């Protein structure tokens, strides 16, 4: 079948015709693109800071998850299922002077990508 299609393309190409043939199973293994921004540069300890993610993929975005980076690793905060993807994150009250967050976008085919970590100051 592919040999016949290739022959048709060569024949049409030789006479000036144009043809596009796509081979493949339509499998998408490309991760989505995702970025993250904070609404403010700082937040008071115990208060909420708003983070907004932008995510895109040719197959569409299923959800964006938000994570806070703590001394013991990343802590899942929750998922936003529709744009604009945003989450309110409580600033730590344990004396830390920074709040770090990242977003993880998952496309409709299950591919994932993480945004760069965004860090804002935590004031007493």
PDB file of N, CA and C in Angstrom:
ATOM      1  N   UNK A   1       0.828  -1.194   0.000  1.00  0.00           N
ATOM      2  CA  UNK A   1       0.000   0.000   0.000  1.00  0.00           C
ATOM      3  C   UNK A   1       0.870   1.255   0.000  1.00  0.00           C
ATOM      4  N   UNK A   2       1.911   1.289   0.836  1.00  0.00           N
ATOM      5  CA  UNK A   2       2.765   2.471   0.885  1.00  0.00           C
ATOM      6  C   UNK A   2       3.546   2.639  -0.410  1.00  0.00           C
ATOM      7  N   UNK A   3       3.960   1.526  -1.034  1.00  0.00           N
ATOM      8  CA  UNK A   3       4.691   1.610  -2.292  1.00  0.00           C
ATOM      9  C   UNK A   3       3.811   2.223  -3.372  1.00  0.00           C
ATOM     10  N   UNK A   4       2.527   1.846  -3.401  1.00  0.00           N
ATOM     11  CA  UNK A   4       1.608   2.409  -4.387  1.00  0.00           C
ATOM     12  C   UNK A   4       1.393   3.899  -4.134  1.00  0.00           C
ATOM     13  N   UNK A   5       1.267   4.275  -2.893  1.00  0.00           N
ATOM     14  CA  UNK A   5       1.075   5.686  -2.556  1.00  0.00           C
ATOM     15  C   UNK A   5       2.312   6.488  -2.910  1.00  0.00           C
ATOM     16  N   UNK A   6       3.490   5.937  -2.638  1.00  0.00           N
ATOM     17  CA  UNK A   6       4.728   6.623  -2.978  1.00  0.00           C
ATOM     18  C   UNK A   6       4.840   6.798  -4.490  1.00  0.00           C
ATOM     19  N   UNK A   7       4.454   5.765  -5.238  1.00  0.00           N
ATOM     20  CA  UNK A   7       4.465   5.859  -6.706  1.00  0.00           C
ATOM     21  C   UNK A   7       3.541   6.950  -7.195  1.00  0.00           C
ATOM     22  N   UNK A   8       2.364   7.066  -6.602  1.00  0.00           N
ATOM     23  CA  UNK A   8       1.411   8.108  -7.002  1.00  0.00           C
ATOM     24  C   UNK A   8       1.975   9.492  -6.708  1.00  0.00           C
ATOM     25  N   UNK A   9       2.652   9.643  -5.567  1.00  0.00           N
ATOM     26  CA  UNK A   9       3.242  10.934  -5.213  1.00  0.00           C
ATOM     27  C   UNK A   9       4.326  11.309  -6.219  1.00  0.00           C
ATOM     28  N   UNK A  10       5.186  10.351  -6.563  1.00  0.00           N
ATOM     29  CA  UNK A  10       6.249  10.630  -7.524  1.00  0.00           C
ATOM     30  C   UNK A  10       5.686  10.984  -8.892  1.00  0.00           C
ATOM     31  N   UNK A  11       4.657  10.272  -9.314  1.00  0.00           N
ATOM     32  CA  UNK A  11       4.033  10.531 -10.598  1.00  0.00           C
ATOM     33  C   UNK A  11       3.395  11.915 -10.619  1.00  0.00           C
ATOM     34  N   UNK A  12       2.631  12.248  -9.584  1.00  0.00           N
ATOM     35  CA  UNK A  12       1.982  13.556  -9.541  1.00  0.00           C
ATOM     36  C   UNK A  12       3.001  14.677  -9.377  1.00  0.00           C
ATOM     37  N   UNK A  13       4.049  14.425  -8.611  1.00  0.00           N
ATOM     38  CA  UNK A  13       5.085  15.431  -8.433  1.00  0.00           C
ATOM     39  C   UNK A  13       5.803  15.728  -9.736  1.00  0.00           C
ATOM     40  N   UNK A  14       6.002  14.707 -10.552  1.00  0.00           N
ATOM     41  CA  UNK A  14       6.701  14.879 -11.825  1.00  0.00           C
ATOM     42  C   UNK A  14       5.894  15.715 -12.801  1.00  0.00           C
ATOM     43  N   UNK A  15       4.559  15.673 -12.672  1.00  0.00           N
ATOM     44  CA  UNK A  15       3.745  16.439 -13.622  1.00  0.00           C
ATOM     45  C   UNK A  15       3.287  17.770 -13.027  1.00  0.00           C
ATOM     46  N   UNK A  16       3.896  18.154 -11.883  1.00  0.00           N
ATOM     47  CA  UNK A  16       3.579  19.466 -11.325  1.00  0.00           C
ATOM     48  C   UNK A  16       2.426  19.453 -10.341  1.00  0.00           C
ATOM     49  N   UNK A  17       1.823  18.292 -10.086  1.00  0.00           N
ATOM     50  CA  UNK A  17       0.728  18.215  -9.110  1.00  0.00           C
ATOM     51  C   UNK A  17       1.279  18.182  -7.705  1.00  0.00           C
ATOM     52  N   UNK A  18       0.492  18.546  -6.768  1.00  0.00           N
ATOM     53  CA  UNK A  18       0.910  18.528  -5.371  1.00  0.00           C
ATOM     54  C   UNK A  18       0.045  17.579  -4.575  1.00  0.00           C
ATOM     55  N   UNK A  19       0.695  16.818  -3.708  1.00  0.00           N
ATOM     56  CA  UNK A  19      -0.020  15.847  -2.873  1.00  0.00           C
ATOM     57  C   UNK A  19       0.623  15.831  -1.498  1.00  0.00           C
ATOM     58  N   UNK A  20      -0.199  15.732  -0.485  1.00  0.00           N
ATOM     59  CA  UNK A  20       0.303  15.517   0.858  1.00  0.00           C
ATOM     60  C   UNK A  20      -0.213  14.180   1.351  1.00  0.00           C
ATOM     61  N   UNK A  21       0.697  13.336   1.760  1.00  0.00           N
ATOM     62  CA  UNK A  21       0.318  12.057   2.361  1.00  0.00           C
ATOM     63  C   UNK A  21       0.938  11.985   3.734  1.00  0.00           C
ATOM     64  N   UNK A  22       0.139  11.636   4.721  1.00  0.00           N
ATOM     65  CA  UNK A  22       0.656  11.473   6.071  1.00  0.00           C
ATOM     66  C   UNK A  22       0.581  10.019   6.475  1.00  0.00           C
ATOM     67  N   UNK A  23       1.696   9.487   6.918  1.00  0.00           N
ATOM     68  CA  UNK A  23       1.715   8.125   7.427  1.00  0.00           C
ATOM     69  C   UNK A  23       1.935   8.191   8.924  1.00  0.00           C
ATOM     70  N   UNK A  24       1.322   7.328   9.626  1.00  0.00           N
ATOM     71  CA  UNK A  24       1.483   7.280  11.069  1.00  0.00           C
ATOM     72  C   UNK A  24       0.178   6.900  11.717  1.00  0.00           C
ATOM     73  N   UNK A  25       0.278   6.649  12.996  1.00  0.00           N
ATOM     74  CA  UNK A  25      -0.897   6.189  13.725  1.00  0.00           C
ATOM     75  C   UNK A  25      -1.577   7.308  14.490  1.00  0.00           C
ATOM     76  N   UNK A  26      -1.112   8.558  14.355  1.00  0.00           N
ATOM     77  CA  UNK A  26      -1.720   9.675  15.059  1.00  0.00           C
ATOM     78  C   UNK A  26      -1.321   9.735  16.527  1.00  0.00           C
ATOM     79  N   UNK A  27      -0.328   8.969  16.929  1.00  0.00           N
ATOM     80  CA  UNK A  27       0.094   8.927  18.318  1.00  0.00           C
ATOM     81  C   UNK A  27       0.830  10.208  18.679  1.00  0.00           C
ATOM     82  N   UNK A  28       0.411  10.838  19.757  1.00  0.00           N
ATOM     83  CA  UNK A  28       1.025  12.076  20.233  1.00  0.00           C
ATOM     84  C   UNK A  28       1.858  11.769  21.466  1.00  0.00           C
ATOM     85  N   UNK A  29       3.175  11.914  21.353  1.00  0.00           N
ATOM     86  CA  UNK A  29       4.027  11.729  22.515  1.00  0.00           C
ATOM     87  C   UNK A  29       4.767  13.013  22.869  1.00  0.00           C
ATOM     88  N   UNK A  30       4.293  14.136  22.332  1.00  0.00           N
ATOM     89  CA  UNK A  30       4.904  15.434  22.618  1.00  0.00           C
ATOM     90  C   UNK A  30       4.291  16.026  23.881  1.00  0.00           C
ATOM     91  N   UNK A  31       5.132  16.506  24.794  1.00  0.00           N
ATOM     92  CA  UNK A  31       4.595  17.117  26.011  1.00  0.00           C
ATOM     93  C   UNK A  31       3.984  18.478  25.714  1.00  0.00           C
ATOM     94  N   UNK A  32       3.065  18.915  26.545  1.00  0.00           N
ATOM     95  CA  UNK A  32       2.496  20.255  26.377  1.00  0.00           C
ATOM     96  C   UNK A  32       3.508  21.321  26.781  1.00  0.00           C
ATOM     97  N   UNK A  33       3.216  22.543  26.441  1.00  0.00           N
ATOM     98  CA  UNK A  33       4.024  23.660  26.933  1.00  0.00           C
ATOM     99  C   UNK A  33       3.295  24.258  28.128  1.00  0.00           C
ATOM    100  N   UNK A  34       4.059  24.695  29.119  1.00  0.00           N
ATOM    101  CA  UNK A  34       3.441  25.265  30.322  1.00  0.00           C
ATOM    102  C   UNK A  34       4.373  26.298  30.933  1.00  0.00           C
ATOM    103  N   UNK A  35       3.797  27.401  31.375  1.00  0.00           N
ATOM    104  CA  UNK A  35       4.534  28.443  32.082  1.00  0.00           C
ATOM    105  C   UNK A  35       3.710  28.863  33.290  1.00  0.00           C
ATOM    106  N   UNK A  36       4.360  29.518  34.234  1.00  0.00           N
ATOM    107  CA  UNK A  36       3.688  29.903  35.478  1.00  0.00           C
ATOM    108  C   UNK A  36       4.117  31.309  35.857  1.00  0.00           C
ATOM    109  N   UNK A  37       3.184  32.074  36.421  1.00  0.00           N
ATOM    110  CA  UNK A  37       3.477  33.421  36.905  1.00  0.00           C
ATOM    111  C   UNK A  37       2.758  33.636  38.228  1.00  0.00           C
ATOM    112  N   UNK A  38       3.341  34.474  39.061  1.00  0.00           N
ATOM    113  CA  UNK A  38       2.719  34.858  40.331  1.00  0.00           C
ATOM    114  C   UNK A  38       2.113  36.242  40.171  1.00  0.00           C
ATOM    115  N   UNK A  39       0.965  36.445  40.809  1.00  0.00           N
ATOM    116  CA  UNK A  39       0.292  37.736  40.713  1.00  0.00           C
ATOM    117  C   UNK A  39       1.062  38.833  41.459  1.00  0.00           C
ATOM    118  N   UNK A  40       1.803  38.441  42.514  1.00  0.00           N
ATOM    119  CA  UNK A  40       2.555  39.403  43.311  1.00  0.00           C
ATOM    120  C   UNK A  40       3.972  38.903  43.538  1.00  0.00           C
ATOM    121  N   UNK A  41       4.868  39.826  43.900  1.00  0.00           N
ATOM    122  CA  UNK A  41       6.263  39.462  44.157  1.00  0.00           C
ATOM    123  C   UNK A  41       6.479  38.962  45.574  1.00  0.00           C
ATOM    124  N   UNK A  42       5.508  39.239  46.473  1.00  0.00           N
ATOM    125  CA  UNK A  42       5.634  38.785  47.856  1.00  0.00           C
ATOM    126  C   UNK A  42       4.253  38.554  48.452  1.00  0.00           C
ATOM    127  N   UNK A  43       4.249  37.837  49.582  1.00  0.00           N
ATOM    128  CA  UNK A  43       3.012  37.532  50.291  1.00  0.00           C
ATOM    129  C   UNK A  43       3.341  37.451  51.779  1.00  0.00           C
ATOM    130  N   UNK A  44       2.417  37.849  52.613  1.00  0.00           N
ATOM    131  CA  UNK A  44       2.613  37.749  54.063  1.00  0.00           C
ATOM    132  C   UNK A  44       2.415  36.299  54.502  1.00  0.00           C
ATOM    133  N   UNK A  45       3.186  35.875  55.481  1.00  0.00           N
ATOM    134  CA  UNK A  45       3.069  34.516  56.012  1.00  0.00           C
ATOM    135  C   UNK A  45       1.620  34.241  56.413  1.00  0.00           C
ATOM    136  N   UNK A  46       1.106  33.085  56.002  1.00  0.00           N
ATOM    137  CA  UNK A  46      -0.265  32.699  56.316  1.00  0.00           C
ATOM    138  C   UNK A  46      -1.310  33.211  55.347  1.00  0.00           C
ATOM    139  N   UNK A  47      -0.930  34.099  54.442  1.00  0.00           N
ATOM    140  CA  UNK A  47      -1.862  34.638  53.454  1.00  0.00           C
ATOM    141  C   UNK A  47      -1.756  33.850  52.151  1.00  0.00           C
ATOM    142  N   UNK A  48      -2.707  34.089  51.249  1.00  0.00           N
ATOM    143  CA  UNK A  48      -2.730  33.377  49.966  1.00  0.00           C
ATOM    144  C   UNK A  48      -2.089  34.198  48.862  1.00  0.00           C
ATOM    145  N   UNK A  49      -1.362  33.500  47.996  1.00  0.00           N
ATOM    146  CA  UNK A  49      -0.789  34.106  46.798  1.00  0.00           C
ATOM    147  C   UNK A  49      -1.408  33.411  45.589  1.00  0.00           C
ATOM    148  N   UNK A  50      -1.702  34.188  44.559  1.00  0.00           N
ATOM    149  CA  UNK A  50      -2.333  33.649  43.352  1.00  0.00           C
ATOM    150  C   UNK A  50      -1.269  33.355  42.305  1.00  0.00           C
ATOM    151  N   UNK A  51      -1.323  32.112  41.785  1.00  0.00           N
ATOM    152  CA  UNK A  51      -0.435  31.686  40.708  1.00  0.00           C
ATOM    153  C   UNK A  51      -1.291  31.329  39.503  1.00  0.00           C
ATOM    154  N   UNK A  52      -0.834  31.757  38.318  1.00  0.00           N
ATOM    155  CA  UNK A  52      -1.575  31.524  37.083  1.00  0.00           C
ATOM    156  C   UNK A  52      -0.660  30.820  36.086  1.00  0.00           C
ATOM    157  N   UNK A  53      -1.164  29.715  35.512  1.00  0.00           N
ATOM    158  CA  UNK A  53      -0.391  28.953  34.528  1.00  0.00           C
ATOM    159  C   UNK A  53      -1.003  29.126  33.146  1.00  0.00           C
ATOM    160  N   UNK A  54      -0.148  29.127  32.149  1.00  0.00           N
ATOM    161  CA  UNK A  54      -0.573  29.091  30.751  1.00  0.00           C
ATOM    162  C   UNK A  54      -0.096  27.756  30.191  1.00  0.00           C
ATOM    163  N   UNK A  55      -1.006  26.990  29.597  1.00  0.00           N
ATOM    164  CA  UNK A  55      -0.655  25.673  29.063  1.00  0.00           C
ATOM    165  C   UNK A  55      -1.289  25.497  27.692  1.00  0.00           C
ATOM    166  N   UNK A  56      -0.568  24.821  26.795  1.00  0.00           N
ATOM    167  CA  UNK A  56      -1.075  24.593  25.445  1.00  0.00           C
ATOM    168  C   UNK A  56      -0.510  23.289  24.901  1.00  0.00           C
ATOM    169  N   UNK A  57      -1.300  22.656  24.033  1.00  0.00           N
ATOM    170  CA  UNK A  57      -0.889  21.430  23.364  1.00  0.00           C
ATOM    171  C   UNK A  57      -1.801  21.217  22.166  1.00  0.00           C
ATOM    172  N   UNK A  58      -1.263  20.609  21.104  1.00  0.00           N
ATOM    173  CA  UNK A  58      -2.070  20.390  19.898  1.00  0.00           C
ATOM    174  C   UNK A  58      -3.247  19.461  20.150  1.00  0.00           C
ATOM    175  N   UNK A  59      -3.168  18.595  21.161  1.00  0.00           N
ATOM    176  CA  UNK A  59      -4.290  17.696  21.454  1.00  0.00           C
ATOM    177  C   UNK A  59      -5.199  18.248  22.537  1.00  0.00           C
ATOM    178  N   UNK A  60      -4.863  19.407  23.088  1.00  0.00           N
ATOM    179  CA  UNK A  60      -5.661  20.014  24.151  1.00  0.00           C
ATOM    180  C   UNK A  60      -5.102  19.674  25.524  1.00  0.00           C
ATOM    181  N   UNK A  61      -5.484  20.468  26.514  1.00  0.00           N
ATOM    182  CA  UNK A  61      -5.025  20.274  27.892  1.00  0.00           C
ATOM    183  C   UNK A  61      -6.130  19.608  28.702  1.00  0.00           C
ATOM    184  N   UNK A  62      -5.780  18.534  29.378  1.00  0.00           N
ATOM    185  CA  UNK A  62      -6.722  17.852  30.264  1.00  0.00           C
ATOM    186  C   UNK A  62      -6.830  18.593  31.593  1.00  0.00           C
ATOM    187  N   UNK A  63      -5.693  18.903  32.210  1.00  0.00           N
ATOM    188  CA  UNK A  63      -5.689  19.649  33.469  1.00  0.00           C
ATOM    189  C   UNK A  63      -4.295  20.184  33.758  1.00  0.00           C
ATOM    190  N   UNK A  64      -4.248  21.117  34.694  1.00  0.00           N
ATOM    191  CA  UNK A  64      -2.987  21.636  35.201  1.00  0.00           C
ATOM    192  C   UNK A  64      -2.995  21.438  36.712  1.00  0.00           C
ATOM    193  N   UNK A  65      -1.960  20.777  37.224  1.00  0.00           N
ATOM    194  CA  UNK A  65      -1.808  20.552  38.660  1.00  0.00           C
ATOM    195  C   UNK A  65      -0.813  21.572  39.205  1.00  0.00           C
ATOM    196  N   UNK A  66      -1.030  21.988  40.438  1.00  0.00           N
ATOM    197  CA  UNK A  66      -0.147  22.946  41.095  1.00  0.00           C
ATOM    198  C   UNK A  66       0.553  22.261  42.263  1.00  0.00           C
ATOM    199  N   UNK A  67       1.854  22.558  42.421  1.00  0.00           N
ATOM    200  CA  UNK A  67       2.675  21.962  43.471  1.00  0.00           C
ATOM    201  C   UNK A  67       3.444  23.048  44.202  1.00  0.00           C
ATOM    202  N   UNK A  68       3.494  22.918  45.541  1.00  0.00           N
ATOM    203  CA  UNK A  68       4.341  23.777  46.360  1.00  0.00           C
ATOM    204  C   UNK A  68       5.626  23.004  46.650  1.00  0.00           C
ATOM    205  N   UNK A  69       6.758  23.673  46.514  1.00  0.00           N
ATOM    206  CA  UNK A  69       8.042  23.038  46.783  1.00  0.00           C
ATOM    207  C   UNK A  69       8.379  23.264  48.250  1.00  0.00           C
ATOM    208  N   UNK A  70       8.416  22.178  49.012  1.00  0.00           N
ATOM    209  CA  UNK A  70       8.723  22.214  50.439  1.00  0.00           C
ATOM    210  C   UNK A  70      10.078  21.560  50.679  1.00  0.00           C
ATOM    211  N   UNK A  71      10.633  21.711  51.890  1.00  0.00           N
ATOM    212  CA  UNK A  71      11.929  21.082  52.174  1.00  0.00           C
ATOM    213  C   UNK A  71      11.937  19.564  51.922  1.00  0.00           C
ATOM    214  N   UNK A  72      10.801  18.906  52.092  1.00  0.00           N
ATOM    215  CA  UNK A  72      10.726  17.454  51.892  1.00  0.00           C
ATOM    216  C   UNK A  72      10.272  17.060  50.495  1.00  0.00           C
ATOM    217  N   UNK A  73      10.225  18.002  49.560  1.00  0.00           N
ATOM    218  CA  UNK A  73       9.814  17.699  48.193  1.00  0.00           C
ATOM    219  C   UNK A  73       8.581  18.462  47.777  1.00  0.00           C
ATOM    220  N   UNK A  74       8.069  18.098  46.627  1.00  0.00           N
ATOM    221  CA  UNK A  74       6.898  18.786  46.061  1.00  0.00           C
ATOM    222  C   UNK A  74       5.615  18.258  46.697  1.00  0.00           C
ATOM    223  N   UNK A  75       4.743  19.179  47.080  1.00  0.00           N
ATOM    224  CA  UNK A  75       3.447  18.837  47.669  1.00  0.00           C
ATOM    225  C   UNK A  75       2.343  19.237  46.698  1.00  0.00           C
ATOM    226  N   UNK A  76       1.542  18.242  46.273  1.00  0.00           N
ATOM    227  CA  UNK A  76       0.446  18.508  45.353  1.00  0.00           C
ATOM    228  C   UNK A  76      -0.601  19.359  46.061  1.00  0.00           C
ATOM    229  N   UNK A  77      -1.036  20.420  45.405  1.00  0.00           N
ATOM    230  CA  UNK A  77      -2.042  21.316  45.962  1.00  0.00           C
ATOM    231  C   UNK A  77      -3.416  21.079  45.376  1.00  0.00           C
ATOM    232  N   UNK A  78      -3.477  20.754  44.083  1.00  0.00           N
ATOM    233  CA  UNK A  78      -4.763  20.523  43.431  1.00  0.00           C
ATOM    234  C   UNK A  78      -4.664  20.707  41.934  1.00  0.00           C
ATOM    235  N   UNK A  79      -5.763  20.410  41.250  1.00  0.00           N
ATOM    236  CA  UNK A  79      -5.848  20.500  39.795  1.00  0.00           C
ATOM    237  C   UNK A  79      -6.854  21.556  39.387  1.00  0.00           C
ATOM    238  N   UNK A  80      -6.564  22.247  38.306  1.00  0.00           N
ATOM    239  CA  UNK A  80      -7.522  23.133  37.659  1.00  0.00           C
ATOM    240  C   UNK A  80      -7.804  22.523  36.290  1.00  0.00           C
ATOM    241  N   UNK A  81      -9.089  22.311  35.995  1.00  0.00           N
ATOM    242  CA  UNK A  81      -9.488  21.594  34.784  1.00  0.00           C
ATOM    243  C   UNK A  81      -9.768  22.481  33.585  1.00  0.00           C
ATOM    244  N   UNK A  82      -9.756  23.800  33.785  1.00  0.00           N
ATOM    245  CA  UNK A  82     -10.057  24.672  32.650  1.00  0.00           C
ATOM    246  C   UNK A  82      -9.301  25.991  32.774  1.00  0.00           C
ATOM    247  N   UNK A  83      -9.012  26.563  31.611  1.00  0.00           N
ATOM    248  CA  UNK A  83      -8.322  27.853  31.575  1.00  0.00           C
ATOM    249  C   UNK A  83      -9.273  28.952  32.023  1.00  0.00           C
ATOM    250  N   UNK A  84      -8.830  29.994  32.658  1.00  0.00           N
ATOM    251  CA  UNK A  84      -7.444  30.203  33.036  1.00  0.00           C
ATOM    252  C   UNK A  84      -7.066  29.289  34.202  1.00  0.00           C
ATOM    253  N   UNK A  85      -5.904  28.660  34.104  1.00  0.00           N
ATOM    254  CA  UNK A  85      -5.438  27.732  35.131  1.00  0.00           C
ATOM    255  C   UNK A  85      -4.803  28.545  36.254  1.00  0.00           C
ATOM    256  N   UNK A  86      -5.422  28.513  37.427  1.00  0.00           N
ATOM    257  CA  UNK A  86      -4.906  29.308  38.535  1.00  0.00           C
ATOM    258  C   UNK A  86      -5.164  28.609  39.854  1.00  0.00           C
ATOM    259  N   UNK A  87      -4.347  28.992  40.866  1.00  0.00           N
ATOM    260  CA  UNK A  87      -4.478  28.377  42.182  1.00  0.00           C
ATOM    261  C   UNK A  87      -4.026  29.374  43.241  1.00  0.00           C
ATOM    262  N   UNK A  88      -4.766  29.404  44.354  1.00  0.00           N
ATOM    263  CA  UNK A  88      -4.358  30.204  45.509  1.00  0.00           C
ATOM    264  C   UNK A  88      -3.525  29.309  46.412  1.00  0.00           C
ATOM    265  N   UNK A  89      -2.336  29.775  46.776  1.00  0.00           N
ATOM    266  CA  UNK A  89      -1.408  28.988  47.578  1.00  0.00           C
ATOM    267  C   UNK A  89      -1.140  29.730  48.875  1.00  0.00           C
ATOM    268  N   UNK A  90      -1.344  29.042  50.000  1.00  0.00           N
ATOM    269  CA  UNK A  90      -1.066  29.642  51.302  1.00  0.00           C
ATOM    270  C   UNK A  90       0.438  29.693  51.548  1.00  0.00           C
ATOM    271  N   UNK A  91       0.907  30.864  51.978  1.00  0.00           N
ATOM    272  CA  UNK A  91       2.323  31.033  52.297  1.00  0.00           C
ATOM    273  C   UNK A  91       2.627  30.334  53.617  1.00  0.00           C
ATOM    274  N   UNK A  92       3.797  29.724  53.726  1.00  0.00           N
ATOM    275  CA  UNK A  92       4.150  29.013  54.955  1.00  0.00           C
ATOM    276  C   UNK A  92       4.270  29.959  56.150  1.00  0.00           C
ATOM    277  N   UNK A  93       3.993  29.437  57.319  1.00  0.00           N
ATOM    278  CA  UNK A  93       4.090  30.223  58.559  1.00  0.00           C
ATOM    279  C   UNK A  93       5.192  29.680  59.462  1.00  0.00           C
ATOM    280  N   UNK A  94       6.082  28.872  58.915  1.00  0.00           N
ATOM    281  CA  UNK A  94       7.126  28.216  59.710  1.00  0.00           C
ATOM    282  C   UNK A  94       8.458  28.957  59.678  1.00  0.00           C
ATOM    283  N   UNK A  95       8.442  30.217  59.272  1.00  0.00           N
ATOM    284  CA  UNK A  95       9.670  31.004  59.254  1.00  0.00           C
ATOM    285  C   UNK A  95      10.363  31.044  57.905  1.00  0.00           C
ATOM    286  N   UNK A  96       9.883  30.283  56.932  1.00  0.00           N
ATOM    287  CA  UNK A  96      10.495  30.347  55.599  1.00  0.00           C
ATOM    288  C   UNK A  96      10.290  31.734  55.010  1.00  0.00           C
ATOM    289  N   UNK A  97      11.236  32.160  54.214  1.00  0.00           N
ATOM    290  CA  UNK A  97      11.167  33.491  53.615  1.00  0.00           C
ATOM    291  C   UNK A  97      10.833  33.456  52.133  1.00  0.00           C
ATOM    292  N   UNK A  98      10.486  32.257  51.632  1.00  0.00           N
ATOM    293  CA  UNK A  98      10.150  32.140  50.210  1.00  0.00           C
ATOM    294  C   UNK A  98       9.059  31.083  50.025  1.00  0.00           C
ATOM    295  N   UNK A  99       8.259  31.295  49.006  1.00  0.00           N
ATOM    296  CA  UNK A  99       7.221  30.353  48.589  1.00  0.00           C
ATOM    297  C   UNK A  99       7.527  29.980  47.143  1.00  0.00           C
ATOM    298  N   UNK A 100       7.746  28.688  46.907  1.00  0.00           N
ATOM    299  CA  UNK A 100       8.084  28.208  45.561  1.00  0.00           C
ATOM    300  C   UNK A 100       7.001  27.270  45.064  1.00  0.00           C
ATOM    301  N   UNK A 101       6.576  27.483  43.824  1.00  0.00           N
ATOM    302  CA  UNK A 101       5.468  26.728  43.219  1.00  0.00           C
ATOM    303  C   UNK A 101       5.831  26.391  41.781  1.00  0.00           C
ATOM    304  N   UNK A 102       5.338  25.238  41.305  1.00  0.00           N
ATOM    305  CA  UNK A 102       5.417  24.937  39.880  1.00  0.00           C
ATOM    306  C   UNK A 102       4.105  24.324  39.443  1.00  0.00           C
ATOM    307  N   UNK A 103       3.854  24.352  38.136  1.00  0.00           N
ATOM    308  CA  UNK A 103       2.642  23.793  37.545  1.00  0.00           C
ATOM    309  C   UNK A 103       3.025  22.620  36.657  1.00  0.00           C
ATOM    310  N   UNK A 104       2.180  21.603  36.646  1.00  0.00           N
ATOM    311  CA  UNK A 104       2.379  20.436  35.779  1.00  0.00           C
ATOM    312  C   UNK A 104       1.162  20.305  34.873  1.00  0.00           C
ATOM    313  N   UNK A 105       1.373  20.494  33.569  1.00  0.00           N
ATOM    314  CA  UNK A 105       0.287  20.371  32.593  1.00  0.00           C
ATOM    315  C   UNK A 105       0.243  18.950  32.059  1.00  0.00           C
ATOM    316  N   UNK A 106      -0.967  18.432  31.919  1.00  0.00           N
ATOM    317  CA  UNK A 106      -1.190  17.117  31.325  1.00  0.00           C
ATOM    318  C   UNK A 106      -2.103  17.296  30.124  1.00  0.00           C
ATOM    319  N   UNK A 107      -1.653  16.817  28.955  1.00  0.00           N
ATOM    320  CA  UNK A 107      -2.485  16.965  27.758  1.00  0.00           C
ATOM    321  C   UNK A 107      -3.502  15.831  27.663  1.00  0.00           C
ATOM    322  N   UNK A 108      -4.341  15.880  26.645  1.00  0.00           N
ATOM    323  CA  UNK A 108      -5.415  14.891  26.489  1.00  0.00           C
ATOM    324  C   UNK A 108      -4.916  13.487  26.144  1.00  0.00           C
ATOM    325  N   UNK A 109      -3.611  13.350  25.866  1.00  0.00           N
ATOM    326  CA  UNK A 109      -3.024  12.033  25.600  1.00  0.00           C
ATOM    327  C   UNK A 109      -2.185  11.534  26.764  1.00  0.00           C
ATOM    328  N   UNK A 110      -2.192  12.278  27.880  1.00  0.00           N
ATOM    329  CA  UNK A 110      -1.458  11.854  29.071  1.00  0.00           C
ATOM    330  C   UNK A 110      -0.022  12.331  29.146  1.00  0.00           C
ATOM    331  N   UNK A 111       0.443  13.097  28.174  1.00  0.00           N
ATOM    332  CA  UNK A 111       1.802  13.643  28.216  1.00  0.00           C
ATOM    333  C   UNK A 111       1.845  14.774  29.237  1.00  0.00           C
ATOM    334  N   UNK A 112       2.965  14.881  29.943  1.00  0.00           N
ATOM    335  CA  UNK A 112       3.092  15.885  31.005  1.00  0.00           C
ATOM    336  C   UNK A 112       4.339  16.723  30.827  1.00  0.00           C
ATOM    337  N   UNK A 113       4.255  17.939  31.360  1.00  0.00           N
ATOM    338  CA  UNK A 113       5.420  18.829  31.393  1.00  0.00           C
ATOM    339  C   UNK A 113       5.286  19.737  32.609  1.00  0.00           C
ATOM    340  N   UNK A 114       6.421  20.067  33.206  1.00  0.00           N
ATOM    341  CA  UNK A 114       6.453  20.965  34.356  1.00  0.00           C
ATOM    342  C   UNK A 114       6.933  22.346  33.947  1.00  0.00           C
ATOM    343  N   UNK A 115       6.344  23.357  34.561  1.00  0.00           N
ATOM    344  CA  UNK A 115       6.813  24.724  34.368  1.00  0.00           C
ATOM    345  C   UNK A 115       8.083  24.922  35.182  1.00  0.00           C
ATOM    346  N   UNK A 116       8.816  25.968  34.872  1.00  0.00           N
ATOM    347  CA  UNK A 116       9.896  26.355  35.791  1.00  0.00           C
ATOM    348  C   UNK A 116       9.278  26.744  37.143  1.00  0.00           C
ATOM    349  N   UNK A 117      10.055  26.583  38.197  1.00  0.00           N
ATOM    350  CA  UNK A 117       9.601  26.967  39.537  1.00  0.00           C
ATOM    351  C   UNK A 117       9.567  28.487  39.633  1.00  0.00           C
ATOM    352  N   UNK A 118       8.482  28.996  40.215  1.00  0.00           N
ATOM    353  CA  UNK A 118       8.343  30.437  40.477  1.00  0.00           C
ATOM    354  C   UNK A 118       8.411  30.634  41.982  1.00  0.00           C
ATOM    355  N   UNK A 119       9.271  31.533  42.421  1.00  0.00           N
ATOM    356  CA  UNK A 119       9.461  31.785  43.839  1.00  0.00           C
ATOM    357  C   UNK A 119       9.134  33.236  44.145  1.00  0.00           C
ATOM    358  N   UNK A 120       8.339  33.439  45.202  1.00  0.00           N
ATOM    359  CA  UNK A 120       8.044  34.784  45.684  1.00  0.00           C
ATOM    360  C   UNK A 120       8.464  34.868  47.140  1.00  0.00           C
ATOM    361  N   UNK A 121       8.677  36.083  47.620  1.00  0.00           N
ATOM    362  CA  UNK A 121       9.104  36.322  48.999  1.00  0.00           C
ATOM    363  C   UNK A 121       7.933  36.146  49.956  1.00  0.00           C
ATOM    364  N   UNK A 122       8.246  35.627  51.141  1.00  0.00           N
ATOM    365  CA  UNK A 122       7.271  35.528  52.233  1.00  0.00           C
ATOM    366  C   UNK A 122       7.727  36.489  53.319  1.00  0.00           C
ATOM    367  N   UNK A 123       6.852  37.435  53.649  1.00  0.00           N
ATOM    368  CA  UNK A 123       7.186  38.422  54.669  1.00  0.00           C
ATOM    369  C   UNK A 123       6.498  38.049  55.989  1.00  0.00           C
ATOM    370  N   UNK A 124       7.099  38.451  57.098  1.00  0.00           N
ATOM    371  CA  UNK A 124       6.504  38.114  58.403  1.00  0.00           C
ATOM    372  C   UNK A 124       5.178  38.832  58.646  1.00  0.00           C
TER     373      UNK A 124
END
